Amino acid sequence: MFATAATETGHCLSPPLPILEKDELAPEWQTETPVLCVAGRGPLDEAVAIMLAQLLDKHGLRARVEGVGAIASTTIFHLETKGVAMVCVSYLDASSAVHMRYTIRRLRRRLPQARIMLGCWMADADALRYTAKPDDVAVTLRDAVRRCLEAARKPVSPALTATPVGVAVDAA
C-alpha cells in the first residue's frame, strides 16, 4: 500500500512534469541546493525524502537530504540553511500531527525565508494543512515535485501577459 500511496503518479490523466532549466528558476532557487528534504521521524521517512530529492533532481531542482537527527530540537541550530528556498518534511505516518506541528515550528524559526512543505504520504492533506500549519501539503511524490516546480519557476512578467493599451477586451 505504501508504494502505491507514495509513488502514485496518475500519469494516465496528468501531463508529464517539466524539467526546469536554471534560467527558468526564480533567483532564490538558483542556489546550489535550493530544496532541503528532511525525514520527519525515522528511517522510512528518510527513504522517502531521498526518493523525493532524486525526483526533484531529475526535474532540474537540486536537493539535499538530512536525516531526522538534523531537525531535533537540540541539533537544528547546526543545520546548514544557506541557499534553501524550500524545506520538504517527509512523514510516512500521519498519526502525530502535534509532532509535525512542532517540527514545522522549529524549521520556521531556523529558516524564516523558506517555504515549508509537509509530505505526508498516507494522509488527508486538508486536515494536515490545518493541524500542522505548513505552507504546502503533498500526499504523493508527484504532487510534492509539482508543488516544488511551481514554487521554483520565475514569475511570468506582467509585460508579457498584460493587455496592450487600446485593445478591447471582450467581457462576455
Protein backbone atom coordinates (compact mmCIF):
# COMPACT_ATOMS: atom_id res chain seq x y z
CA MET A 1 0.00 0.00 0.00
CA PHE A 2 2.82 2.46 0.86
CA ALA A 3 4.41 2.09 -2.55
CA THR A 4 1.10 2.87 -4.22
CA ALA A 5 0.35 5.86 -1.98
CA ALA A 6 3.83 7.37 -2.12
CA THR A 7 4.58 6.87 -5.79
CA GLU A 8 1.12 7.31 -7.30
CA THR A 9 1.63 9.33 -10.41
CA GLY A 10 -1.70 9.44 -12.15
CA HIS A 11 0.34 9.56 -15.37
CA CYS A 12 -2.62 8.38 -17.40
CA LEU A 13 -4.56 11.57 -16.70
CA SER A 14 -1.85 14.09 -15.82
CA PRO A 15 0.60 15.72 -18.19
CA PRO A 16 4.26 14.98 -17.56
CA LEU A 17 6.05 17.25 -15.12
CA PRO A 18 8.50 19.68 -16.73
CA ILE A 19 12.27 19.60 -16.43
CA LEU A 20 13.33 23.12 -15.48
CA GLU A 21 16.47 24.80 -16.72
CA LYS A 22 18.39 27.12 -14.40
CA ASP A 23 17.26 30.22 -16.32
CA GLU A 24 13.60 29.26 -15.67
CA LEU A 25 14.13 29.38 -11.90
CA ALA A 26 13.40 32.37 -9.67
CA PRO A 27 16.65 33.89 -8.34
CA GLU A 28 16.30 32.40 -4.84
CA TRP A 29 16.03 28.94 -6.42
CA GLN A 30 19.27 29.23 -8.40
CA THR A 31 21.45 28.24 -5.44
CA GLU A 32 23.47 25.04 -5.21
CA THR A 33 20.71 23.16 -3.35
CA PRO A 34 17.50 25.19 -3.05
CA VAL A 35 15.48 22.27 -1.64
CA LEU A 36 16.15 20.59 1.68
CA CYS A 37 14.38 17.24 2.15
CA VAL A 38 14.28 16.09 5.76
CA ALA A 39 12.99 12.98 7.48
CA GLY A 40 10.20 13.56 9.96
CA ARG A 41 10.69 10.70 12.42
CA GLY A 42 12.54 7.64 11.21
CA PRO A 43 14.43 5.69 8.56
CA LEU A 44 11.40 5.12 6.32
CA ASP A 45 10.72 8.86 6.33
CA GLU A 46 14.33 9.36 5.30
CA ALA A 47 13.97 6.82 2.48
CA VAL A 48 11.03 8.77 1.04
CA ALA A 49 12.96 12.05 1.48
CA ILE A 50 15.79 10.51 -0.58
CA MET A 51 13.33 9.45 -3.30
CA LEU A 52 11.85 12.95 -3.40
CA ALA A 53 15.32 14.51 -3.69
CA GLN A 54 16.14 12.20 -6.60
CA LEU A 55 12.89 13.08 -8.39
CA LEU A 56 13.46 16.80 -7.88
CA ASP A 57 16.97 16.46 -9.28
CA LYS A 58 15.58 14.76 -12.40
CA HIS A 59 13.29 17.75 -12.90
CA GLY A 60 16.00 20.37 -12.58
CA LEU A 61 15.85 21.22 -8.87
CA ARG A 62 18.89 20.34 -6.81
CA ALA A 63 18.04 18.96 -3.37
CA ARG A 64 19.87 17.57 -0.40
CA VAL A 65 18.65 15.20 2.29
CA GLU A 66 19.03 15.36 6.06
CA GLY A 67 18.05 12.66 8.49
CA VAL A 68 15.72 13.08 11.43
CA GLY A 69 18.63 13.95 13.74
CA ALA A 70 19.26 17.19 11.86
CA ILE A 71 15.91 18.70 12.89
CA ALA A 72 15.86 17.62 16.52
CA SER A 73 15.40 20.49 18.97
CA THR A 74 18.98 20.08 20.23
CA THR A 75 20.66 19.97 16.79
CA ILE A 76 18.58 22.13 14.46
CA PHE A 77 20.81 25.14 15.10
CA HIS A 78 23.66 23.30 13.34
CA LEU A 79 21.53 22.70 10.24
CA GLU A 80 23.08 24.29 7.11
CA THR A 81 20.44 26.64 5.70
CA LYS A 82 22.36 28.70 3.14
CA GLY A 83 20.50 28.89 -0.16
CA VAL A 84 17.46 26.87 0.96
CA ALA A 85 14.23 28.15 -0.63
CA MET A 86 12.00 25.21 0.36
CA VAL A 87 12.07 22.53 3.03
CA CYS A 88 10.17 19.30 2.37
CA VAL A 89 9.47 17.35 5.55
CA SER A 90 8.65 13.70 4.95
CA TYR A 91 6.31 11.70 7.20
CA LEU A 92 5.13 8.24 6.32
CA ASP A 93 2.78 8.10 9.30
CA ALA A 94 0.27 10.89 9.97
CA SER A 95 -0.57 9.75 13.49
CA SER A 96 1.22 12.59 15.27
CA ALA A 97 0.08 15.96 13.99
CA VAL A 98 1.50 17.53 17.15
CA HIS A 99 4.99 16.23 16.33
CA MET A 100 4.60 17.56 12.77
CA ARG A 101 3.49 20.97 14.01
CA TYR A 102 6.48 21.27 16.39
CA THR A 103 8.88 20.17 13.66
CA ILE A 104 7.47 22.79 11.29
CA ARG A 105 7.66 25.43 14.02
CA ARG A 106 11.36 24.64 14.62
CA LEU A 107 12.05 24.79 10.89
CA ARG A 108 10.26 28.16 10.58
CA ARG A 109 12.45 29.61 13.31
CA ARG A 110 15.60 28.30 11.64
CA LEU A 111 14.59 29.13 8.04
CA PRO A 112 12.14 32.05 8.18
CA GLN A 113 12.61 32.82 4.46
CA ALA A 114 11.90 29.27 3.23
CA ARG A 115 8.58 27.69 2.28
CA ILE A 116 7.82 24.54 4.22
CA MET A 117 6.03 21.65 2.57
CA LEU A 118 4.77 18.70 4.56
CA GLY A 119 4.91 15.46 2.62
CA CYS A 120 2.69 13.03 4.45
CA TRP A 121 2.35 10.06 2.20
CA MET A 122 -0.69 8.36 3.76
CA ALA A 123 -2.84 11.21 4.97
CA ASP A 124 -5.60 13.72 4.36
CA ALA A 125 -3.98 16.93 3.08
CA ASP A 126 -6.75 19.26 4.28
CA ALA A 127 -6.60 18.03 7.87
CA LEU A 128 -2.80 18.36 7.98
CA ARG A 129 -2.88 21.84 6.49
CA TYR A 130 -4.97 22.93 9.46
CA THR A 131 -3.27 20.99 12.26
CA ALA A 132 0.42 21.08 11.27
CA LYS A 133 0.35 24.53 9.59
CA PRO A 134 2.83 24.06 6.72
CA ASP A 135 2.86 26.31 3.64
CA ASP A 136 2.03 23.32 1.41
CA VAL A 137 0.95 19.70 1.86
CA ALA A 138 1.62 16.86 -0.56
CA VAL A 139 0.30 13.31 -0.26
CA THR A 140 2.10 11.82 -3.28
CA LEU A 141 5.64 12.23 -4.57
CA ARG A 142 4.28 13.56 -7.86
CA ASP A 143 2.31 16.23 -6.01
CA ALA A 144 5.40 17.18 -3.99
CA VAL A 145 7.53 17.52 -7.13
CA ARG A 146 4.78 19.53 -8.86
CA ARG A 147 4.46 21.93 -5.93
CA CYS A 148 8.24 22.44 -5.78
CA LEU A 149 8.42 23.09 -9.53
CA GLU A 150 5.58 25.61 -9.35
CA ALA A 151 7.23 27.46 -6.47
CA ALA A 152 10.63 27.48 -8.20
CA ARG A 153 9.59 28.97 -11.55
CA LYS A 154 10.26 32.59 -12.31
CA PRO A 155 7.10 34.65 -12.10
CA VAL A 156 5.67 35.49 -15.50
CA SER A 157 6.47 39.08 -16.43
CA PRO A 158 3.36 41.30 -16.30
CA ALA A 159 4.57 42.92 -19.52
CA LEU A 160 4.15 39.58 -21.29
CA THR A 161 0.63 38.97 -20.06
CA ALA A 162 -0.88 42.46 -19.92
CA THR A 163 -3.41 43.56 -22.49
CA PRO A 164 -1.91 46.28 -24.68
CA VAL A 165 -3.35 49.79 -24.27
CA GLY A 166 -6.17 50.46 -26.69
CA VAL A 167 -7.07 46.80 -27.23
CA ALA A 168 -10.66 45.99 -26.46
CA VAL A 169 -11.25 43.02 -24.17
CA ASP A 170 -14.44 41.04 -24.71
CA ALA A 171 -16.28 40.95 -21.36
CA ALA A 172 -18.57 38.09 -22.45
